[in-house]
Amino acid sequence: MQEKTAHSYMPLIICSIASFITPFMGSAVNIALPVIGDGLKANAVILGWVAMSYNLAAAMFLLPLGRLADLKGREILFRIGLGVFGLCSLGCALAWDPYSLVVFRFFQGLGGALLFGTSNAILSAYYPKEVRGKMLGICVSALYLGMALGPTIGGFMTSAFGWRALFGFVPC
């Protein structure tokens, strides 16, 4: 039997962080929408697009990018997803008006689709069948933890540091 090392858990850790931040970002920003609206002088319609553009892009691109990852390589597309998600998070934090925030959120959702569409496939390919279910379960737990903690942590961060701090939370 193969000895467990810290290195053997690295794909699980990286994929779990990616699985945490994608739903975290969606649910945390929803809590901050009123503060974002005040800060960027945005009306309710454009604030709806701030929330929806992320989800729209993730839903639009999840399956096609997952298939592209199967054809071109999961790890490279996962890394591209990390880069896109991180850069667009920075763009969101630096948004100068509500429309720029909508655009950055859309591309952040595209990066999230790359992360979400490849992380489970990477874990399935890396770990043997004896532990694969456990590793996928941990990764899925991270996803739901991000969804559950997003409103709480997002609300705290928004009230303590402002809405732009939410986008600096991304560990990319």
N, C-alpha and C. Protein backbone atom coordinates (compact mmCIF):
# COMPACT_ATOMS: atom_id res chain seq x y z
N MET A 1 0.84 -1.19 0.00
CA MET A 1 0.00 0.00 0.00
C MET A 1 0.88 1.24 0.00
N GLN A 2 0.45 2.25 -0.72
CA GLN A 2 1.21 3.49 -0.84
C GLN A 2 1.13 4.29 0.46
N GLU A 3 2.27 4.81 0.87
CA GLU A 3 2.32 5.62 2.09
C GLU A 3 1.72 7.00 1.81
N LYS A 4 0.93 7.49 2.76
CA LYS A 4 0.31 8.81 2.62
C LYS A 4 1.32 9.88 3.00
N THR A 5 1.44 10.87 2.15
CA THR A 5 2.31 12.00 2.44
C THR A 5 1.50 13.28 2.27
N ALA A 6 2.07 14.38 2.74
CA ALA A 6 1.40 15.67 2.59
C ALA A 6 1.22 15.99 1.10
N HIS A 7 2.18 15.55 0.30
CA HIS A 7 2.11 15.80 -1.14
C HIS A 7 0.90 15.10 -1.76
N SER A 8 0.54 13.92 -1.24
CA SER A 8 -0.57 13.19 -1.83
C SER A 8 -1.92 13.84 -1.54
N TYR A 9 -1.97 14.74 -0.58
CA TYR A 9 -3.21 15.46 -0.28
C TYR A 9 -3.30 16.80 -0.99
N MET A 10 -2.25 17.22 -1.69
CA MET A 10 -2.25 18.53 -2.33
C MET A 10 -3.37 18.71 -3.36
N PRO A 11 -3.66 17.74 -4.24
CA PRO A 11 -4.80 17.93 -5.15
C PRO A 11 -6.12 18.11 -4.41
N LEU A 12 -6.30 17.37 -3.32
CA LEU A 12 -7.52 17.51 -2.53
C LEU A 12 -7.62 18.91 -1.92
N ILE A 13 -6.53 19.40 -1.38
CA ILE A 13 -6.53 20.73 -0.75
C ILE A 13 -6.83 21.81 -1.78
N ILE A 14 -6.16 21.75 -2.91
CA ILE A 14 -6.34 22.77 -3.95
C ILE A 14 -7.75 22.72 -4.51
N CYS A 15 -8.22 21.53 -4.82
CA CYS A 15 -9.57 21.40 -5.38
C CYS A 15 -10.64 21.77 -4.36
N SER A 16 -10.40 21.50 -3.09
CA SER A 16 -11.36 21.86 -2.05
C SER A 16 -11.42 23.38 -1.86
N ILE A 17 -10.28 24.04 -1.94
CA ILE A 17 -10.28 25.51 -1.86
C ILE A 17 -11.04 26.09 -3.04
N ALA A 18 -10.79 25.56 -4.22
CA ALA A 18 -11.50 26.04 -5.41
C ALA A 18 -13.00 25.76 -5.29
N SER A 19 -13.36 24.61 -4.74
CA SER A 19 -14.77 24.27 -4.56
C SER A 19 -15.42 25.14 -3.49
N PHE A 20 -14.64 25.63 -2.55
CA PHE A 20 -15.16 26.53 -1.51
C PHE A 20 -15.40 27.93 -2.06
N ILE A 21 -14.43 28.47 -2.81
CA ILE A 21 -14.53 29.88 -3.19
C ILE A 21 -15.58 30.16 -4.25
N THR A 22 -15.89 29.20 -5.10
CA THR A 22 -16.87 29.49 -6.15
C THR A 22 -18.27 29.73 -5.58
N PRO A 23 -18.82 28.88 -4.71
CA PRO A 23 -20.13 29.21 -4.14
C PRO A 23 -20.04 30.30 -3.07
N PHE A 24 -18.91 30.38 -2.39
CA PHE A 24 -18.73 31.44 -1.39
C PHE A 24 -18.90 32.81 -2.04
N MET A 25 -18.25 32.98 -3.18
CA MET A 25 -18.31 34.27 -3.86
C MET A 25 -19.74 34.60 -4.29
N GLY A 26 -20.46 33.62 -4.75
CA GLY A 26 -21.85 33.86 -5.14
C GLY A 26 -22.72 34.26 -3.97
N SER A 27 -22.62 33.54 -2.86
CA SER A 27 -23.51 33.83 -1.73
C SER A 27 -23.05 35.03 -0.90
N ALA A 28 -21.76 35.29 -0.83
CA ALA A 28 -21.26 36.44 -0.05
C ALA A 28 -21.63 37.75 -0.73
N VAL A 29 -21.53 37.79 -2.04
CA VAL A 29 -21.83 39.03 -2.76
C VAL A 29 -23.31 39.36 -2.67
N ASN A 30 -24.17 38.35 -2.62
CA ASN A 30 -25.60 38.61 -2.50
C ASN A 30 -25.92 39.40 -1.23
N ILE A 31 -25.21 39.13 -0.16
CA ILE A 31 -25.41 39.84 1.10
C ILE A 31 -24.95 41.29 0.98
N ALA A 32 -23.92 41.51 0.19
CA ALA A 32 -23.31 42.84 0.09
C ALA A 32 -23.98 43.74 -0.94
N LEU A 33 -24.96 43.26 -1.66
CA LEU A 33 -25.56 44.04 -2.75
C LEU A 33 -26.07 45.42 -2.33
N PRO A 34 -26.75 45.56 -1.20
CA PRO A 34 -27.18 46.92 -0.82
C PRO A 34 -26.00 47.88 -0.60
N VAL A 35 -24.94 47.39 -0.01
CA VAL A 35 -23.76 48.23 0.22
C VAL A 35 -23.06 48.55 -1.10
N ILE A 36 -23.01 47.56 -1.99
CA ILE A 36 -22.43 47.79 -3.33
C ILE A 36 -23.26 48.85 -4.05
N GLY A 37 -24.58 48.75 -3.96
CA GLY A 37 -25.46 49.72 -4.60
C GLY A 37 -25.22 51.13 -4.10
N ASP A 38 -25.03 51.27 -2.79
CA ASP A 38 -24.73 52.59 -2.23
C ASP A 38 -23.37 53.09 -2.70
N GLY A 39 -22.39 52.21 -2.70
CA GLY A 39 -21.03 52.61 -3.06
C GLY A 39 -20.87 52.97 -4.53
N LEU A 40 -21.55 52.25 -5.39
CA LEU A 40 -21.41 52.49 -6.84
C LEU A 40 -22.61 53.24 -7.42
N LYS A 41 -23.53 53.65 -6.57
CA LYS A 41 -24.73 54.37 -7.01
C LYS A 41 -25.49 53.58 -8.08
N ALA A 42 -25.77 52.33 -7.74
CA ALA A 42 -26.44 51.44 -8.68
C ALA A 42 -27.88 51.20 -8.24
N ASN A 43 -28.77 51.05 -9.21
CA ASN A 43 -30.16 50.77 -8.90
C ASN A 43 -30.37 49.26 -8.74
N ALA A 44 -31.57 48.87 -8.40
CA ALA A 44 -31.87 47.46 -8.14
C ALA A 44 -31.69 46.59 -9.37
N VAL A 45 -31.97 47.12 -10.54
CA VAL A 45 -31.85 46.32 -11.77
C VAL A 45 -30.39 45.95 -12.02
N ILE A 46 -29.51 46.92 -11.95
CA ILE A 46 -28.09 46.62 -12.20
C ILE A 46 -27.51 45.76 -11.08
N LEU A 47 -28.01 45.93 -9.85
CA LEU A 47 -27.55 45.06 -8.76
C LEU A 47 -27.99 43.62 -8.99
N GLY A 48 -29.16 43.44 -9.60
CA GLY A 48 -29.59 42.10 -9.97
C GLY A 48 -28.63 41.48 -10.97
N TRP A 49 -28.12 42.29 -11.89
CA TRP A 49 -27.15 41.80 -12.87
C TRP A 49 -25.80 41.51 -12.23
N VAL A 50 -25.45 42.23 -11.18
CA VAL A 50 -24.20 41.94 -10.46
C VAL A 50 -24.26 40.51 -9.92
N ALA A 51 -25.39 40.16 -9.34
CA ALA A 51 -25.54 38.80 -8.81
C ALA A 51 -25.73 37.78 -9.93
N MET A 52 -26.56 38.11 -10.91
CA MET A 52 -26.93 37.14 -11.92
C MET A 52 -25.84 36.87 -12.95
N SER A 53 -25.00 37.85 -13.26
CA SER A 53 -23.99 37.66 -14.30
C SER A 53 -23.02 36.54 -13.92
N TYR A 54 -22.69 36.43 -12.65
CA TYR A 54 -21.80 35.37 -12.15
C TYR A 54 -22.45 34.00 -12.38
N ASN A 55 -23.70 33.87 -11.95
CA ASN A 55 -24.41 32.60 -12.10
C ASN A 55 -24.68 32.26 -13.56
N LEU A 56 -25.00 33.28 -14.34
CA LEU A 56 -25.27 33.07 -15.76
C LEU A 56 -24.03 32.52 -16.48
N ALA A 57 -22.90 33.14 -16.24
CA ALA A 57 -21.67 32.67 -16.89
C ALA A 57 -21.31 31.27 -16.44
N ALA A 58 -21.43 31.00 -15.14
CA ALA A 58 -21.12 29.66 -14.63
C ALA A 58 -22.02 28.61 -15.27
N ALA A 59 -23.32 28.92 -15.39
CA ALA A 59 -24.25 27.97 -15.99
C ALA A 59 -24.01 27.80 -17.49
N MET A 60 -23.69 28.89 -18.17
CA MET A 60 -23.47 28.83 -19.62
C MET A 60 -22.24 28.02 -19.99
N PHE A 61 -21.19 28.16 -19.20
CA PHE A 61 -19.90 27.61 -19.60
C PHE A 61 -19.49 26.32 -18.90
N LEU A 62 -20.22 25.90 -17.89
CA LEU A 62 -19.81 24.72 -17.12
C LEU A 62 -19.65 23.48 -17.99
N LEU A 63 -20.65 23.11 -18.74
CA LEU A 63 -20.57 21.89 -19.55
C LEU A 63 -19.60 22.02 -20.72
N PRO A 64 -19.65 23.11 -21.51
CA PRO A 64 -18.68 23.20 -22.62
C PRO A 64 -17.23 23.23 -22.15
N LEU A 65 -16.97 23.93 -21.04
CA LEU A 65 -15.59 23.98 -20.55
C LEU A 65 -15.17 22.66 -19.92
N GLY A 66 -16.11 21.95 -19.31
CA GLY A 66 -15.79 20.62 -18.80
C GLY A 66 -15.40 19.68 -19.92
N ARG A 67 -16.12 19.77 -21.02
CA ARG A 67 -15.78 18.94 -22.19
C ARG A 67 -14.44 19.35 -22.79
N LEU A 68 -14.21 20.66 -22.90
CA LEU A 68 -12.92 21.15 -23.39
C LEU A 68 -11.78 20.67 -22.49
N ALA A 69 -12.02 20.63 -21.19
CA ALA A 69 -11.00 20.13 -20.25
C ALA A 69 -10.72 18.65 -20.50
N ASP A 70 -11.75 17.89 -20.82
CA ASP A 70 -11.54 16.47 -21.14
C ASP A 70 -10.66 16.32 -22.39
N LEU A 71 -10.85 17.21 -23.34
CA LEU A 71 -10.11 17.11 -24.60
C LEU A 71 -8.70 17.70 -24.52
N LYS A 72 -8.55 18.81 -23.83
CA LYS A 72 -7.28 19.54 -23.84
C LYS A 72 -6.45 19.39 -22.57
N GLY A 73 -7.03 18.89 -21.52
CA GLY A 73 -6.30 18.71 -20.27
C GLY A 73 -6.95 19.45 -19.12
N ARG A 74 -7.31 18.69 -18.10
CA ARG A 74 -8.02 19.26 -16.96
C ARG A 74 -7.15 20.19 -16.14
N GLU A 75 -5.92 19.79 -15.90
CA GLU A 75 -5.06 20.59 -15.02
C GLU A 75 -4.74 21.95 -15.62
N ILE A 76 -4.50 22.02 -16.91
CA ILE A 76 -4.19 23.31 -17.53
C ILE A 76 -5.41 24.22 -17.49
N LEU A 77 -6.59 23.67 -17.75
CA LEU A 77 -7.80 24.49 -17.70
C LEU A 77 -8.16 24.87 -16.26
N PHE A 78 -7.83 24.01 -15.30
CA PHE A 78 -8.02 24.36 -13.89
C PHE A 78 -7.13 25.55 -13.53
N ARG A 79 -5.89 25.51 -13.98
CA ARG A 79 -4.96 26.62 -13.71
C ARG A 79 -5.42 27.90 -14.39
N ILE A 80 -5.90 27.78 -15.61
CA ILE A 80 -6.44 28.96 -16.30
C ILE A 80 -7.64 29.50 -15.51
N GLY A 81 -8.48 28.60 -15.02
CA GLY A 81 -9.63 29.02 -14.22
C GLY A 81 -9.22 29.76 -12.96
N LEU A 82 -8.17 29.26 -12.29
CA LEU A 82 -7.67 29.97 -11.11
C LEU A 82 -7.20 31.38 -11.47
N GLY A 83 -6.49 31.48 -12.58
CA GLY A 83 -6.00 32.79 -13.01
C GLY A 83 -7.14 33.73 -13.37
N VAL A 84 -8.09 33.24 -14.15
CA VAL A 84 -9.23 34.07 -14.55
C VAL A 84 -10.03 34.49 -13.32
N PHE A 85 -10.29 33.55 -12.43
CA PHE A 85 -11.07 33.85 -11.23
C PHE A 85 -10.35 34.88 -10.37
N GLY A 86 -9.05 34.68 -10.18
CA GLY A 86 -8.28 35.61 -9.35
C GLY A 86 -8.18 37.00 -9.96
N LEU A 87 -7.89 37.08 -11.25
CA LEU A 87 -7.78 38.39 -11.91
C LEU A 87 -9.13 39.11 -11.94
N CYS A 88 -10.18 38.37 -12.19
CA CYS A 88 -11.50 39.01 -12.22
C CYS A 88 -11.96 39.40 -10.82
N SER A 89 -11.52 38.69 -9.80
CA SER A 89 -11.81 39.11 -8.42
C SER A 89 -11.12 40.44 -8.13
N LEU A 90 -9.89 40.56 -8.58
CA LEU A 90 -9.18 41.84 -8.44
C LEU A 90 -9.92 42.93 -9.21
N GLY A 91 -10.36 42.61 -10.42
CA GLY A 91 -11.14 43.57 -11.20
C GLY A 91 -12.42 43.98 -10.49
N CYS A 92 -13.09 43.04 -9.86
CA CYS A 92 -14.31 43.35 -9.10
C CYS A 92 -13.99 44.30 -7.95
N ALA A 93 -12.90 44.04 -7.25
CA ALA A 93 -12.51 44.89 -6.13
C ALA A 93 -12.18 46.30 -6.59
N LEU A 94 -11.69 46.44 -7.80
CA LEU A 94 -11.30 47.75 -8.34
C LEU A 94 -12.36 48.37 -9.25
N ALA A 95 -13.54 47.76 -9.33
CA ALA A 95 -14.59 48.24 -10.24
C ALA A 95 -14.89 49.72 -10.00
N TRP A 96 -14.99 50.47 -11.08
CA TRP A 96 -15.19 51.91 -11.00
C TRP A 96 -16.64 52.32 -11.16
N ASP A 97 -17.46 51.42 -11.69
CA ASP A 97 -18.90 51.68 -11.79
C ASP A 97 -19.63 50.33 -11.80
N PRO A 98 -20.95 50.35 -11.67
CA PRO A 98 -21.67 49.07 -11.59
C PRO A 98 -21.55 48.23 -12.85
N TYR A 99 -21.38 48.87 -14.00
CA TYR A 99 -21.30 48.12 -15.26
C TYR A 99 -19.98 47.36 -15.36
N SER A 100 -18.91 47.97 -14.91
CA SER A 100 -17.63 47.26 -14.90
C SER A 100 -17.69 46.08 -13.92
N LEU A 101 -18.40 46.26 -12.81
CA LEU A 101 -18.55 45.16 -11.86
C LEU A 101 -19.33 44.00 -12.49
N VAL A 102 -20.36 44.30 -13.26
CA VAL A 102 -21.12 43.24 -13.93
C VAL A 102 -20.23 42.46 -14.89
N VAL A 103 -19.41 43.18 -15.65
CA VAL A 103 -18.52 42.52 -16.61
C VAL A 103 -17.50 41.65 -15.89
N PHE A 104 -16.88 42.18 -14.85
CA PHE A 104 -15.91 41.38 -14.09
C PHE A 104 -16.56 40.18 -13.42
N ARG A 105 -17.78 40.36 -12.93
CA ARG A 105 -18.49 39.23 -12.31
C ARG A 105 -18.82 38.14 -13.34
N PHE A 106 -19.16 38.55 -14.55
CA PHE A 106 -19.43 37.57 -15.60
C PHE A 106 -18.18 36.72 -15.86
N PHE A 107 -17.04 37.36 -16.03
CA PHE A 107 -15.82 36.61 -16.31
C PHE A 107 -15.32 35.87 -15.07
N GLN A 108 -15.66 36.37 -13.89
CA GLN A 108 -15.36 35.62 -12.68
C GLN A 108 -16.18 34.33 -12.66
N GLY A 109 -17.42 34.39 -13.10
CA GLY A 109 -18.25 33.20 -13.22
C GLY A 109 -17.70 32.21 -14.23
N LEU A 110 -17.13 32.71 -15.32
CA LEU A 110 -16.48 31.85 -16.30
C LEU A 110 -15.29 31.13 -15.65
N GLY A 111 -14.49 31.86 -14.88
CA GLY A 111 -13.38 31.23 -14.16
C GLY A 111 -13.89 30.21 -13.16
N GLY A 112 -14.99 30.53 -12.49
CA GLY A 112 -15.59 29.58 -11.55
C GLY A 112 -16.06 28.32 -12.24
N ALA A 113 -16.60 28.45 -13.47
CA ALA A 113 -17.03 27.27 -14.23
C ALA A 113 -15.82 26.40 -14.57
N LEU A 114 -14.70 27.03 -14.91
CA LEU A 114 -13.48 26.26 -15.17
C LEU A 114 -13.03 25.50 -13.92
N LEU A 115 -13.10 26.15 -12.78
CA LEU A 115 -12.69 25.50 -11.53
C LEU A 115 -13.64 24.37 -11.16
N PHE A 116 -14.91 24.67 -11.19
CA PHE A 116 -15.90 23.69 -10.75
C PHE A 116 -16.00 22.52 -11.72
N GLY A 117 -15.85 22.80 -13.00
CA GLY A 117 -15.98 21.76 -14.00
C GLY A 117 -14.81 20.80 -14.07
N THR A 118 -13.69 21.18 -13.49
CA THR A 118 -12.50 20.34 -13.58
C THR A 118 -12.06 19.74 -12.24
N SER A 119 -12.45 20.33 -11.12
CA SER A 119 -11.90 19.88 -9.83
C SER A 119 -12.26 18.43 -9.51
N ASN A 120 -13.53 18.06 -9.69
CA ASN A 120 -13.92 16.68 -9.39
C ASN A 120 -13.28 15.69 -10.35
N ALA A 121 -13.14 16.10 -11.61
CA ALA A 121 -12.49 15.22 -12.59
C ALA A 121 -11.01 15.02 -12.25
N ILE A 122 -10.37 16.06 -11.77
CA ILE A 122 -8.96 15.95 -11.36
C ILE A 122 -8.83 14.99 -10.19
N LEU A 123 -9.71 15.14 -9.20
CA LEU A 123 -9.66 14.23 -8.04
C LEU A 123 -9.95 12.79 -8.46
N SER A 124 -10.91 12.61 -9.34
CA SER A 124 -11.24 11.25 -9.81
C SER A 124 -10.08 10.61 -10.54
N ALA A 125 -9.34 11.40 -11.28
CA ALA A 125 -8.20 10.85 -12.02
C ALA A 125 -6.99 10.61 -11.12
N TYR A 126 -6.84 11.41 -10.07
CA TYR A 126 -5.65 11.34 -9.24
C TYR A 126 -5.71 10.23 -8.19
N TYR A 127 -6.87 10.07 -7.57
CA TYR A 127 -6.97 9.13 -6.45
C TYR A 127 -7.50 7.77 -6.90
N PRO A 128 -6.98 6.69 -6.30
CA PRO A 128 -7.48 5.36 -6.65
C PRO A 128 -8.91 5.16 -6.15
N LYS A 129 -9.58 4.19 -6.73
CA LYS A 129 -11.01 3.99 -6.43
C LYS A 129 -11.28 3.71 -4.96
N GLU A 130 -10.31 3.19 -4.23
CA GLU A 130 -10.51 2.87 -2.81
C GLU A 130 -10.76 4.13 -1.96
N VAL A 131 -10.18 5.26 -2.35
CA VAL A 131 -10.32 6.49 -1.56
C VAL A 131 -11.02 7.60 -2.35
N ARG A 132 -11.38 7.33 -3.58
CA ARG A 132 -11.95 8.37 -4.44
C ARG A 132 -13.23 8.95 -3.85
N GLY A 133 -14.11 8.11 -3.35
CA GLY A 133 -15.37 8.60 -2.78
C GLY A 133 -15.14 9.51 -1.59
N LYS A 134 -14.19 9.16 -0.76
CA LYS A 134 -13.86 9.99 0.41
C LYS A 134 -13.35 11.36 -0.04
N MET A 135 -12.46 11.37 -1.03
CA MET A 135 -11.89 12.63 -1.51
C MET A 135 -12.95 13.50 -2.18
N LEU A 136 -13.81 12.90 -2.97
CA LEU A 136 -14.90 13.65 -3.60
C LEU A 136 -15.88 14.17 -2.55
N GLY A 137 -16.12 13.38 -1.51
CA GLY A 137 -16.99 13.83 -0.42
C GLY A 137 -16.43 15.03 0.32
N ILE A 138 -15.12 15.03 0.55
CA ILE A 138 -14.48 16.17 1.20
C ILE A 138 -14.60 17.41 0.32
N CYS A 139 -14.39 17.23 -0.96
CA CYS A 139 -14.47 18.35 -1.91
C CYS A 139 -15.90 18.90 -1.98
N VAL A 140 -16.89 18.04 -2.01
CA VAL A 140 -18.28 18.47 -2.03
C VAL A 140 -18.64 19.16 -0.71
N SER A 141 -18.09 18.68 0.40
CA SER A 141 -18.32 19.33 1.69
C SER A 141 -17.78 20.75 1.68
N ALA A 142 -16.63 20.94 1.05
CA ALA A 142 -16.05 22.29 0.94
C ALA A 142 -16.97 23.19 0.13
N LEU A 143 -17.58 22.65 -0.91
CA LEU A 143 -18.51 23.43 -1.73
C LEU A 143 -19.69 23.91 -0.89
N TYR A 144 -20.31 23.02 -0.15
CA TYR A 144 -21.47 23.40 0.66
C TYR A 144 -21.07 24.27 1.85
N LEU A 145 -19.88 24.10 2.33
CA LEU A 145 -19.38 24.98 3.39
C LEU A 145 -19.24 26.40 2.86
N GLY A 146 -18.73 26.54 1.66
CA GLY A 146 -18.62 27.86 1.04
C GLY A 146 -19.97 28.51 0.84
N MET A 147 -20.95 27.72 0.41
CA MET A 147 -22.29 28.23 0.21
C MET A 147 -22.93 28.66 1.54
N ALA A 148 -22.69 27.86 2.59
CA ALA A 148 -23.29 28.15 3.89
C ALA A 148 -22.60 29.31 4.61
N LEU A 149 -21.29 29.39 4.50
CA LEU A 149 -20.55 30.44 5.21
C LEU A 149 -20.49 31.76 4.46
N GLY A 150 -20.81 31.73 3.17
CA GLY A 150 -20.76 32.95 2.36
C GLY A 150 -21.54 34.10 2.96
N PRO A 151 -22.82 33.92 3.31
CA PRO A 151 -23.57 35.04 3.87
C PRO A 151 -23.01 35.54 5.22
N THR A 152 -22.59 34.63 6.07
CA THR A 152 -22.08 35.03 7.38
C THR A 152 -20.75 35.76 7.27
N ILE A 153 -19.79 35.12 6.61
CA ILE A 153 -18.46 35.74 6.46
C ILE A 153 -18.56 36.97 5.57
N GLY A 154 -19.37 36.87 4.51
CA GLY A 154 -19.55 38.01 3.61
C GLY A 154 -20.16 39.21 4.31
N GLY A 155 -21.15 38.96 5.15
CA GLY A 155 -21.77 40.05 5.91
C GLY A 155 -20.79 40.67 6.89
N PHE A 156 -20.02 39.84 7.57
CA PHE A 156 -19.02 40.36 8.50
C PHE A 156 -17.97 41.18 7.77
N MET A 157 -17.44 40.63 6.69
CA MET A 157 -16.40 41.33 5.94
C MET A 157 -16.92 42.64 5.36
N THR A 158 -18.14 42.63 4.87
CA THR A 158 -18.71 43.84 4.30
C THR A 158 -18.90 44.92 5.36
N SER A 159 -19.40 44.53 6.52
CA SER A 159 -19.62 45.53 7.57
C SER A 159 -18.31 46.01 8.19
N ALA A 160 -17.32 45.13 8.27
CA ALA A 160 -16.05 45.51 8.90
C ALA A 160 -15.08 46.20 7.95
N PHE A 161 -15.04 45.76 6.69
CA PHE A 161 -14.00 46.24 5.77
C PHE A 161 -14.52 46.84 4.48
N GLY A 162 -15.81 46.76 4.23
CA GLY A 162 -16.38 47.26 2.98
C GLY A 162 -16.53 46.13 1.97
N TRP A 163 -17.37 46.37 0.96
CA TRP A 163 -17.69 45.32 0.01
C TRP A 163 -16.51 44.90 -0.85
N ARG A 164 -15.57 45.80 -1.09
CA ARG A 164 -14.43 45.44 -1.95
C ARG A 164 -13.55 44.37 -1.31
N ALA A 165 -13.59 44.28 0.02
CA ALA A 165 -12.78 43.26 0.71
C ALA A 165 -13.24 41.85 0.38
N LEU A 166 -14.50 41.69 0.00
CA LEU A 166 -14.98 40.35 -0.38
C LEU A 166 -14.15 39.76 -1.51
N PHE A 167 -13.79 40.60 -2.45
CA PHE A 167 -13.07 40.12 -3.61
C PHE A 167 -11.58 39.94 -3.34
N GLY A 168 -11.10 40.47 -2.25
CA GLY A 168 -9.72 40.24 -1.84
C GLY A 168 -9.57 38.96 -1.04
N PHE A 169 -10.69 38.34 -0.69
CA PHE A 169 -10.70 37.11 0.10
C PHE A 169 -10.25 35.90 -0.72
N VAL A 170 -10.30 36.02 -2.03
CA VAL A 170 -10.00 34.89 -2.91
C VAL A 170 -8.54 34.49 -2.76
N PRO A 171 -8.26 33.25 -2.37
CA PRO A 171 -6.88 32.81 -2.13
C PRO A 171 -6.18 32.32 -3.40
N CYS A 172 -6.22 33.09 -4.45
CA CYS A 172 -5.55 32.69 -5.70
C CYS A 172 -4.23 33.40 -5.84
